[in-house]
């Protein structure tokens, strides 16, 4: 007498409850965890002054040097414009 089996020799159950607990539930929990992480991320405050922008640039210097350089350039450009505007009046 012969029996049919999968090539691995393991019989698989097609039970809905087993599929739910092994496949769907972990996928659902992972998606829920990702969603909660996105919505619970702390809100970052944008720099409002030249000093805050320079501090923000310093925080990003190690990981994103080009971005930090652009932030510094923008801060110094803004500061120079403020000084030239103040000198006119």
PDB file of N, CA and C in Angstrom:
ATOM      1  N   UNK A   1       0.831  -1.146   0.000  1.00  0.00           N
ATOM      2  CA  UNK A   1       0.000   0.000   0.000  1.00  0.00           C
ATOM      3  C   UNK A   1       0.895   1.234   0.000  1.00  0.00           C
ATOM      4  N   UNK A   2       0.540   2.210  -0.819  1.00  0.00           N
ATOM      5  CA  UNK A   2       1.374   3.404  -0.923  1.00  0.00           C
ATOM      6  C   UNK A   2       0.626   4.607  -0.326  1.00  0.00           C
ATOM      7  N   UNK A   3       1.397   5.537   0.184  1.00  0.00           N
ATOM      8  CA  UNK A   3       0.810   6.771   0.710  1.00  0.00           C
ATOM      9  C   UNK A   3       1.423   7.951  -0.038  1.00  0.00           C
ATOM     10  N   UNK A   4       0.646   8.977  -0.159  1.00  0.00           N
ATOM     11  CA  UNK A   4       1.143  10.189  -0.804  1.00  0.00           C
ATOM     12  C   UNK A   4       1.670  11.136   0.257  1.00  0.00           C
ATOM     13  N   UNK A   5       2.798  11.716  -0.023  1.00  0.00           N
ATOM     14  CA  UNK A   5       3.360  12.695   0.901  1.00  0.00           C
ATOM     15  C   UNK A   5       4.054  13.788   0.109  1.00  0.00           C
ATOM     16  N   UNK A   6       4.309  14.868   0.778  1.00  0.00           N
ATOM     17  CA  UNK A   6       5.043  15.953   0.151  1.00  0.00           C
ATOM     18  C   UNK A   6       6.498  15.540  -0.006  1.00  0.00           C
ATOM     19  N   UNK A   7       7.216  16.157  -0.908  1.00  0.00           N
ATOM     20  CA  UNK A   7       8.614  15.780  -1.106  1.00  0.00           C
ATOM     21  C   UNK A   7       9.438  15.825   0.166  1.00  0.00           C
ATOM     22  N   UNK A   8       9.117  16.712   1.095  1.00  0.00           N
ATOM     23  CA  UNK A   8       9.883  16.794   2.334  1.00  0.00           C
ATOM     24  C   UNK A   8       9.517  15.670   3.293  1.00  0.00           C
ATOM     25  N   UNK A   9       8.437  14.996   3.010  1.00  0.00           N
ATOM     26  CA  UNK A   9       8.005  13.927   3.889  1.00  0.00           C
ATOM     27  C   UNK A   9       7.155  14.424   5.038  1.00  0.00           C
ATOM     28  N   UNK A  10       6.792  15.690   5.029  1.00  0.00           N
ATOM     29  CA  UNK A  10       6.008  16.276   6.104  1.00  0.00           C
ATOM     30  C   UNK A  10       4.586  16.472   5.616  1.00  0.00           C
ATOM     31  N   UNK A  11       3.659  16.013   6.392  1.00  0.00           N
ATOM     32  CA  UNK A  11       2.251  16.228   6.064  1.00  0.00           C
ATOM     33  C   UNK A  11       1.837  17.600   6.563  1.00  0.00           C
ATOM     34  N   UNK A  12       1.114  18.334   5.749  1.00  0.00           N
ATOM     35  CA  UNK A  12       0.694  19.683   6.135  1.00  0.00           C
ATOM     36  C   UNK A  12      -0.812  19.717   6.363  1.00  0.00           C
ATOM     37  N   UNK A  13      -1.173  20.380   7.405  1.00  0.00           N
ATOM     38  CA  UNK A  13      -2.584  20.538   7.717  1.00  0.00           C
ATOM     39  C   UNK A  13      -3.105  21.801   7.036  1.00  0.00           C
ATOM     40  N   UNK A  14      -4.308  21.738   6.570  1.00  0.00           N
ATOM     41  CA  UNK A  14      -4.913  22.905   5.938  1.00  0.00           C
ATOM     42  C   UNK A  14      -5.949  23.538   6.844  1.00  0.00           C
ATOM     43  N   UNK A  15      -5.806  23.322   8.128  1.00  0.00           N
ATOM     44  CA  UNK A  15      -6.752  23.863   9.090  1.00  0.00           C
ATOM     45  C   UNK A  15      -6.703  25.385   9.078  1.00  0.00           C
ATOM     46  N   UNK A  16      -7.874  26.004   9.022  1.00  0.00           N
ATOM     47  CA  UNK A  16      -7.969  27.461   9.016  1.00  0.00           C
ATOM     48  C   UNK A  16      -7.384  28.048  10.301  1.00  0.00           C
ATOM     49  N   UNK A  17      -7.669  27.439  11.423  1.00  0.00           N
ATOM     50  CA  UNK A  17      -7.174  27.982  12.691  1.00  0.00           C
ATOM     51  C   UNK A  17      -5.650  27.909  12.777  1.00  0.00           C
ATOM     52  N   UNK A  18      -5.061  26.832  12.250  1.00  0.00           N
ATOM     53  CA  UNK A  18      -3.606  26.740  12.259  1.00  0.00           C
ATOM     54  C   UNK A  18      -2.992  27.776  11.319  1.00  0.00           C
ATOM     55  N   UNK A  19      -3.589  27.956  10.147  1.00  0.00           N
ATOM     56  CA  UNK A  19      -3.073  28.958   9.208  1.00  0.00           C
ATOM     57  C   UNK A  19      -3.186  30.347   9.819  1.00  0.00           C
ATOM     58  N   UNK A  20      -4.305  30.618  10.514  1.00  0.00           N
ATOM     59  CA  UNK A  20      -4.492  31.917  11.149  1.00  0.00           C
ATOM     60  C   UNK A  20      -3.419  32.159  12.202  1.00  0.00           C
ATOM     61  N   UNK A  21      -3.186  31.164  13.055  1.00  0.00           N
ATOM     62  CA  UNK A  21      -2.229  31.357  14.146  1.00  0.00           C
ATOM     63  C   UNK A  21      -0.781  31.391  13.670  1.00  0.00           C
ATOM     64  N   UNK A  22      -0.468  30.733  12.571  1.00  0.00           N
ATOM     65  CA  UNK A  22       0.922  30.676  12.112  1.00  0.00           C
ATOM     66  C   UNK A  22       1.252  31.714  11.041  1.00  0.00           C
ATOM     67  N   UNK A  23       0.273  32.159  10.265  1.00  0.00           N
ATOM     68  CA  UNK A  23       0.552  33.051   9.148  1.00  0.00           C
ATOM     69  C   UNK A  23      -0.129  34.404   9.321  1.00  0.00           C
ATOM     70  N   UNK A  24      -1.430  34.407   9.430  1.00  0.00           N
ATOM     71  CA  UNK A  24      -2.170  35.660   9.421  1.00  0.00           C
ATOM     72  C   UNK A  24      -1.966  36.477  10.696  1.00  0.00           C
ATOM     73  N   UNK A  25      -1.997  35.826  11.844  1.00  0.00           N
ATOM     74  CA  UNK A  25      -1.856  36.559  13.102  1.00  0.00           C
ATOM     75  C   UNK A  25      -0.496  37.245  13.220  1.00  0.00           C
ATOM     76  N   UNK A  26       0.621  36.573  12.949  1.00  0.00           N
ATOM     77  CA  UNK A  26       1.899  37.284  13.007  1.00  0.00           C
ATOM     78  C   UNK A  26       1.981  38.444  12.010  1.00  0.00           C
ATOM     79  N   UNK A  27       1.427  38.263  10.813  1.00  0.00           N
ATOM     80  CA  UNK A  27       1.442  39.348   9.821  1.00  0.00           C
ATOM     81  C   UNK A  27       0.594  40.517  10.308  1.00  0.00           C
ATOM     82  N   UNK A  28      -0.546  40.233  10.902  1.00  0.00           N
ATOM     83  CA  UNK A  28      -1.419  41.274  11.428  1.00  0.00           C
ATOM     84  C   UNK A  28      -0.744  42.018  12.578  1.00  0.00           C
ATOM     85  N   UNK A  29      -0.113  41.290  13.480  1.00  0.00           N
ATOM     86  CA  UNK A  29       0.575  41.916  14.606  1.00  0.00           C
ATOM     87  C   UNK A  29       1.749  42.775  14.134  1.00  0.00           C
ATOM     88  N   UNK A  30       2.455  42.312  13.124  1.00  0.00           N
ATOM     89  CA  UNK A  30       3.566  43.088  12.576  1.00  0.00           C
ATOM     90  C   UNK A  30       3.070  44.393  11.952  1.00  0.00           C
ATOM     91  N   UNK A  31       1.985  44.320  11.205  1.00  0.00           N
ATOM     92  CA  UNK A  31       1.418  45.518  10.592  1.00  0.00           C
ATOM     93  C   UNK A  31       0.907  46.485  11.662  1.00  0.00           C
ATOM     94  N   UNK A  32       0.292  45.958  12.703  1.00  0.00           N
ATOM     95  CA  UNK A  32      -0.198  46.790  13.796  1.00  0.00           C
ATOM     96  C   UNK A  32       0.966  47.470  14.523  1.00  0.00           C
ATOM     97  N   UNK A  33       2.029  46.738  14.763  1.00  0.00           N
ATOM     98  CA  UNK A  33       3.208  47.290  15.423  1.00  0.00           C
ATOM     99  C   UNK A  33       3.821  48.419  14.594  1.00  0.00           C
ATOM    100  N   UNK A  34       3.913  48.221  13.289  1.00  0.00           N
ATOM    101  CA  UNK A  34       4.449  49.260  12.406  1.00  0.00           C
ATOM    102  C   UNK A  34       3.570  50.499  12.431  1.00  0.00           C
ATOM    103  N   UNK A  35       2.268  50.302  12.385  1.00  0.00           N
ATOM    104  CA  UNK A  35       1.335  51.428  12.417  1.00  0.00           C
ATOM    105  C   UNK A  35       1.444  52.199  13.721  1.00  0.00           C
ATOM    106  N   UNK A  36       1.526  51.498  14.835  1.00  0.00           N
ATOM    107  CA  UNK A  36       1.654  52.172  16.127  1.00  0.00           C
ATOM    108  C   UNK A  36       2.975  52.933  16.222  1.00  0.00           C
ATOM    109  N   UNK A  37       4.033  52.379  15.670  1.00  0.00           N
ATOM    110  CA  UNK A  37       5.329  53.052  15.687  1.00  0.00           C
ATOM    111  C   UNK A  37       5.269  54.357  14.905  1.00  0.00           C
ATOM    112  N   UNK A  38       4.615  54.330  13.757  1.00  0.00           N
ATOM    113  CA  UNK A  38       4.511  55.535  12.931  1.00  0.00           C
ATOM    114  C   UNK A  38       3.733  56.628  13.657  1.00  0.00           C
ATOM    115  N   UNK A  39       2.605  56.268  14.259  1.00  0.00           N
ATOM    116  CA  UNK A  39       1.762  57.270  14.883  1.00  0.00           C
ATOM    117  C   UNK A  39       2.242  57.699  16.261  1.00  0.00           C
ATOM    118  N   UNK A  40       3.098  56.909  16.894  1.00  0.00           N
ATOM    119  CA  UNK A  40       3.576  57.286  18.219  1.00  0.00           C
ATOM    120  C   UNK A  40       4.956  57.936  18.174  1.00  0.00           C
ATOM    121  N   UNK A  41       5.500  58.145  16.981  1.00  0.00           N
ATOM    122  CA  UNK A  41       6.802  58.789  16.858  1.00  0.00           C
ATOM    123  C   UNK A  41       6.699  60.221  17.378  1.00  0.00           C
ATOM    124  N   UNK A  42       7.695  60.638  18.141  1.00  0.00           N
ATOM    125  CA  UNK A  42       7.625  61.991  18.687  1.00  0.00           C
ATOM    126  C   UNK A  42       7.705  63.034  17.577  1.00  0.00           C
ATOM    127  N   UNK A  43       6.950  64.088  17.745  1.00  0.00           N
ATOM    128  CA  UNK A  43       6.967  65.178  16.786  1.00  0.00           C
ATOM    129  C   UNK A  43       8.266  65.958  16.968  1.00  0.00           C
ATOM    130  N   UNK A  44       8.947  66.233  15.870  1.00  0.00           N
ATOM    131  CA  UNK A  44      10.168  67.010  15.957  1.00  0.00           C
ATOM    132  C   UNK A  44       9.845  68.478  15.753  1.00  0.00           C
ATOM    133  N   UNK A  45      10.485  69.307  16.517  1.00  0.00           N
ATOM    134  CA  UNK A  45      10.265  70.746  16.421  1.00  0.00           C
ATOM    135  C   UNK A  45      11.259  71.307  15.423  1.00  0.00           C
ATOM    136  N   UNK A  46      10.782  72.127  14.528  1.00  0.00           N
ATOM    137  CA  UNK A  46      11.650  72.742  13.539  1.00  0.00           C
ATOM    138  C   UNK A  46      12.469  73.851  14.189  1.00  0.00           C
ATOM    139  N   UNK A  47      13.723  73.995  13.770  1.00  0.00           N
ATOM    140  CA  UNK A  47      14.538  75.095  14.292  1.00  0.00           C
ATOM    141  C   UNK A  47      13.925  76.441  13.887  1.00  0.00           C
ATOM    142  N   UNK A  48      13.903  77.398  14.817  1.00  0.00           N
ATOM    143  CA  UNK A  48      13.289  78.694  14.562  1.00  0.00           C
ATOM    144  C   UNK A  48      14.310  79.832  14.457  1.00  0.00           C
ATOM    145  N   UNK A  49      15.487  79.637  15.032  1.00  0.00           N
ATOM    146  CA  UNK A  49      16.505  80.683  15.010  1.00  0.00           C
ATOM    147  C   UNK A  49      17.761  80.170  14.326  1.00  0.00           C
ATOM    148  N   UNK A  50      18.671  81.097  14.032  1.00  0.00           N
ATOM    149  CA  UNK A  50      19.937  80.715  13.408  1.00  0.00           C
ATOM    150  C   UNK A  50      20.710  79.779  14.334  1.00  0.00           C
ATOM    151  N   UNK A  51      20.726  80.078  15.624  1.00  0.00           N
ATOM    152  CA  UNK A  51      21.449  79.227  16.579  1.00  0.00           C
ATOM    153  C   UNK A  51      20.856  77.819  16.622  1.00  0.00           C
ATOM    154  N   UNK A  52      19.531  77.725  16.619  1.00  0.00           N
ATOM    155  CA  UNK A  52      18.886  76.405  16.626  1.00  0.00           C
ATOM    156  C   UNK A  52      19.205  75.633  15.348  1.00  0.00           C
ATOM    157  N   UNK A  53      19.245  76.341  14.219  1.00  0.00           N
ATOM    158  CA  UNK A  53      19.552  75.686  12.949  1.00  0.00           C
ATOM    159  C   UNK A  53      20.996  75.196  12.926  1.00  0.00           C
ATOM    160  N   UNK A  54      21.910  75.970  13.484  1.00  0.00           N
ATOM    161  CA  UNK A  54      23.305  75.539  13.565  1.00  0.00           C
ATOM    162  C   UNK A  54      23.452  74.332  14.494  1.00  0.00           C
ATOM    163  N   UNK A  55      22.705  74.316  15.593  1.00  0.00           N
ATOM    164  CA  UNK A  55      22.712  73.148  16.491  1.00  0.00           C
ATOM    165  C   UNK A  55      22.153  71.911  15.782  1.00  0.00           C
ATOM    166  N   UNK A  56      21.099  72.116  15.025  1.00  0.00           N
ATOM    167  CA  UNK A  56      20.486  71.012  14.260  1.00  0.00           C
ATOM    168  C   UNK A  56      21.480  70.461  13.237  1.00  0.00           C
ATOM    169  N   UNK A  57      22.214  71.358  12.589  1.00  0.00           N
ATOM    170  CA  UNK A  57      23.235  70.929  11.630  1.00  0.00           C
ATOM    171  C   UNK A  57      24.315  70.107  12.332  1.00  0.00           C
ATOM    172  N   UNK A  58      24.707  70.537  13.527  1.00  0.00           N
ATOM    173  CA  UNK A  58      25.728  69.805  14.286  1.00  0.00           C
ATOM    174  C   UNK A  58      25.254  68.392  14.635  1.00  0.00           C
ATOM    175  N   UNK A  59      23.970  68.228  14.930  1.00  0.00           N
ATOM    176  CA  UNK A  59      23.418  66.908  15.260  1.00  0.00           C
ATOM    177  C   UNK A  59      23.486  65.955  14.073  1.00  0.00           C
ATOM    178  N   UNK A  60      23.412  66.495  12.854  1.00  0.00           N
ATOM    179  CA  UNK A  60      23.400  65.663  11.652  1.00  0.00           C
ATOM    180  C   UNK A  60      24.764  65.549  10.979  1.00  0.00           C
ATOM    181  N   UNK A  61      25.770  66.182  11.550  1.00  0.00           N
ATOM    182  CA  UNK A  61      27.093  66.212  10.926  1.00  0.00           C
ATOM    183  C   UNK A  61      27.674  64.818  10.707  1.00  0.00           C
ATOM    184  N   UNK A  62      27.594  63.954  11.695  1.00  0.00           N
ATOM    185  CA  UNK A  62      28.215  62.620  11.586  1.00  0.00           C
ATOM    186  C   UNK A  62      27.499  61.724  10.584  1.00  0.00           C
ATOM    187  N   UNK A  63      26.175  61.752  10.572  1.00  0.00           N
ATOM    188  CA  UNK A  63      25.429  60.832   9.716  1.00  0.00           C
ATOM    189  C   UNK A  63      25.139  61.395   8.332  1.00  0.00           C
ATOM    190  N   UNK A  64      24.981  62.721   8.222  1.00  0.00           N
ATOM    191  CA  UNK A  64      24.633  63.345   6.939  1.00  0.00           C
ATOM    192  C   UNK A  64      25.413  64.651   6.757  1.00  0.00           C
ATOM    193  N   UNK A  65      26.700  64.553   6.435  1.00  0.00           N
ATOM    194  CA  UNK A  65      27.527  65.770   6.364  1.00  0.00           C
ATOM    195  C   UNK A  65      27.084  66.762   5.292  1.00  0.00           C
ATOM    196  N   UNK A  66      26.614  66.293   4.150  1.00  0.00           N
ATOM    197  CA  UNK A  66      26.176  67.211   3.093  1.00  0.00           C
ATOM    198  C   UNK A  66      24.936  67.987   3.535  1.00  0.00           C
ATOM    199  N   UNK A  67      24.000  67.303   4.182  1.00  0.00           N
ATOM    200  CA  UNK A  67      22.797  67.958   4.688  1.00  0.00           C
ATOM    201  C   UNK A  67      23.167  68.988   5.752  1.00  0.00           C
ATOM    202  N   UNK A  68      24.099  68.624   6.637  1.00  0.00           N
ATOM    203  CA  UNK A  68      24.544  69.542   7.687  1.00  0.00           C
ATOM    204  C   UNK A  68      25.193  70.783   7.072  1.00  0.00           C
ATOM    205  N   UNK A  69      25.977  70.598   6.019  1.00  0.00           N
ATOM    206  CA  UNK A  69      26.617  71.736   5.356  1.00  0.00           C
ATOM    207  C   UNK A  69      25.572  72.662   4.740  1.00  0.00           C
ATOM    208  N   UNK A  70      24.546  72.097   4.137  1.00  0.00           N
ATOM    209  CA  UNK A  70      23.476  72.915   3.562  1.00  0.00           C
ATOM    210  C   UNK A  70      22.720  73.680   4.642  1.00  0.00           C
ATOM    211  N   UNK A  71      22.496  73.041   5.784  1.00  0.00           N
ATOM    212  CA  UNK A  71      21.826  73.732   6.885  1.00  0.00           C
ATOM    213  C   UNK A  71      22.667  74.891   7.393  1.00  0.00           C
ATOM    214  N   UNK A  72      23.974  74.653   7.557  1.00  0.00           N
ATOM    215  CA  UNK A  72      24.853  75.725   8.015  1.00  0.00           C
ATOM    216  C   UNK A  72      24.882  76.880   7.019  1.00  0.00           C
ATOM    217  N   UNK A  73      24.968  76.548   5.733  1.00  0.00           N
ATOM    218  CA  UNK A  73      24.988  77.594   4.700  1.00  0.00           C
ATOM    219  C   UNK A  73      23.702  78.413   4.737  1.00  0.00           C
ATOM    220  N   UNK A  74      22.574  77.757   4.894  1.00  0.00           N
ATOM    221  CA  UNK A  74      21.295  78.468   4.957  1.00  0.00           C
ATOM    222  C   UNK A  74      21.240  79.366   6.190  1.00  0.00           C
ATOM    223  N   UNK A  75      21.724  78.867   7.322  1.00  0.00           N
ATOM    224  CA  UNK A  75      21.695  79.653   8.557  1.00  0.00           C
ATOM    225  C   UNK A  75      22.595  80.878   8.431  1.00  0.00           C
ATOM    226  N   UNK A  76      23.799  80.680   7.915  1.00  0.00           N
ATOM    227  CA  UNK A  76      24.730  81.793   7.788  1.00  0.00           C
ATOM    228  C   UNK A  76      24.261  82.796   6.737  1.00  0.00           C
ATOM    229  N   UNK A  77      23.650  82.319   5.660  1.00  0.00           N
ATOM    230  CA  UNK A  77      23.089  83.200   4.642  1.00  0.00           C
ATOM    231  C   UNK A  77      21.963  84.048   5.233  1.00  0.00           C
ATOM    232  N   UNK A  78      21.112  83.422   6.008  1.00  0.00           N
ATOM    233  CA  UNK A  78      20.007  84.146   6.648  1.00  0.00           C
ATOM    234  C   UNK A  78      20.553  85.202   7.616  1.00  0.00           C
ATOM    235  N   UNK A  79      21.569  84.828   8.370  1.00  0.00           N
ATOM    236  CA  UNK A  79      22.162  85.754   9.330  1.00  0.00           C
ATOM    237  C   UNK A  79      22.805  86.953   8.614  1.00  0.00           C
ATOM    238  N   UNK A  80      23.484  86.681   7.509  1.00  0.00           N
ATOM    239  CA  UNK A  80      24.105  87.759   6.733  1.00  0.00           C
ATOM    240  C   UNK A  80      23.052  88.701   6.156  1.00  0.00           C
ATOM    241  N   UNK A  81      21.957  88.158   5.679  1.00  0.00           N
ATOM    242  CA  UNK A  81      20.879  88.994   5.142  1.00  0.00           C
ATOM    243  C   UNK A  81      20.259  89.855   6.233  1.00  0.00           C
ATOM    244  N   UNK A  82      20.092  89.279   7.429  1.00  0.00           N
ATOM    245  CA  UNK A  82      19.528  90.055   8.535  1.00  0.00           C
ATOM    246  C   UNK A  82      20.448  91.209   8.904  1.00  0.00           C
ATOM    247  N   UNK A  83      21.761  90.956   8.913  1.00  0.00           N
ATOM    248  CA  UNK A  83      22.717  91.994   9.270  1.00  0.00           C
ATOM    249  C   UNK A  83      22.759  93.090   8.213  1.00  0.00           C
ATOM    250  N   UNK A  84      22.712  92.713   6.922  1.00  0.00           N
ATOM    251  CA  UNK A  84      22.746  93.725   5.873  1.00  0.00           C
ATOM    252  C   UNK A  84      21.448  94.531   5.863  1.00  0.00           C
ATOM    253  N   UNK A  85      20.342  93.868   6.175  1.00  0.00           N
ATOM    254  CA  UNK A  85      19.063  94.574   6.237  1.00  0.00           C
ATOM    255  C   UNK A  85      19.057  95.554   7.408  1.00  0.00           C
ATOM    256  N   UNK A  86      19.628  95.167   8.538  1.00  0.00           N
ATOM    257  CA  UNK A  86      19.682  96.022   9.716  1.00  0.00           C
ATOM    258  C   UNK A  86      20.626  97.202   9.461  1.00  0.00           C
ATOM    259  N   UNK A  87      21.685  96.984   8.678  1.00  0.00           N
ATOM    260  CA  UNK A  87      22.646  98.046   8.402  1.00  0.00           C
ATOM    261  C   UNK A  87      22.028  99.132   7.516  1.00  0.00           C
ATOM    262  N   UNK A  88      21.072  98.767   6.692  1.00  0.00           N
ATOM    263  CA  UNK A  88      20.423  99.747   5.822  1.00  0.00           C
ATOM    264  C   UNK A  88      19.526 100.701   6.599  1.00  0.00           C
ATOM    265  N   UNK A  89      19.016 100.267   7.729  1.00  0.00           N
ATOM    266  CA  UNK A  89      18.059 101.098   8.457  1.00  0.00           C
ATOM    267  C   UNK A  89      18.671 101.690   9.664  1.00  0.00           C
TER     268      UNK A  89
END
